[in-house]
Amino acid sequence: MGSDLQSRVRLRPVDLAREHGLSTQAVRNYEEAGILPAARRTPHGYRTYTSLHAGALRAFLALLPGHGHQRATSIMRALNEGAAEEAFRLIDESHAQLLDDRRTLQAVENALGDLEPTTAPEPGAGSEPAAVTGPGGTFIGPLAAKLGIRPATLRKWEGAGLVHPRRDARTGYRVYDDADVRDARLAHQLRRGGYLLEQIAPLIAQVRAAGGLEPLEAALCDWRGRLSARGRAMLTGAAELDAYLTERG
């Protein structure tokens, strides 16, 4: 490949940098990181690049939006070191992660779609009073019965931060308001979908931060859009990477 590199048009660092609005130092840093193949030097020590280096830079920058800086760097470094199979494995991991993120989003959307409007439980369910002073308040027994789970499960979810019941000043019982009931039902749906408590907790936190399920629709729409943009970016990155591989021969 050495003679082939020499036969290509010689480019200066500034030529590569100018095309992408980068500094020449950034180009040199990319070379030192292994993102670009090693450049030849003139007798005076100046770096000279070729169209191959320009293709490597285009491929790396195209990989960034879909794979992130760390993985894009690892992909380019593996290719430049002749470890193509490792580069392909890293690409596969990114696609697997995207698919997993899509499944998580789908699970959340399904869980939200399965939730019905919160209604107060029937009196007499469980050994505790069905409701307390205040709208939407319910005790642990009636709520557990409504969800078809044990009270111990709700206590475990509380320990994991999924629900935050207050204590009734008179009885000391846990009291679940409308937001707690909503969060418990959402957690129940996600647990049925196979998700772990540590995976559910940040999703519940997003519901609370959004102020409920309805405002969360905008967040889910944004999430869906970002996943689609990532998938499209992976296609763009793959095209530039394929062009680079073709030029490498």
Foldseek 3Di string as FASTA:
>chain_A
DVVVFVPFDKDALVVLCVVPVHDSVVLVVLCVLQLFPNFDADPVGGGIGGVLRSLSVVLLVLCCLQQNNVLSSVLSNCVNVVNNVVNVVSLVVSVVVLVVLVVVLVLLVVLLVPDDQDDQFDAPQDPDGSADPDAAKGFLRRLCVVLVHDSVVVVVLVVLVQADFDADPPPRTTIGHRLRSVSVSSVSSVVVVVDDSVVSNVVSVLQVVLPHDVSCVVVSVVSVVSSVVSVVSSVSSVVSVVVSVVVVD
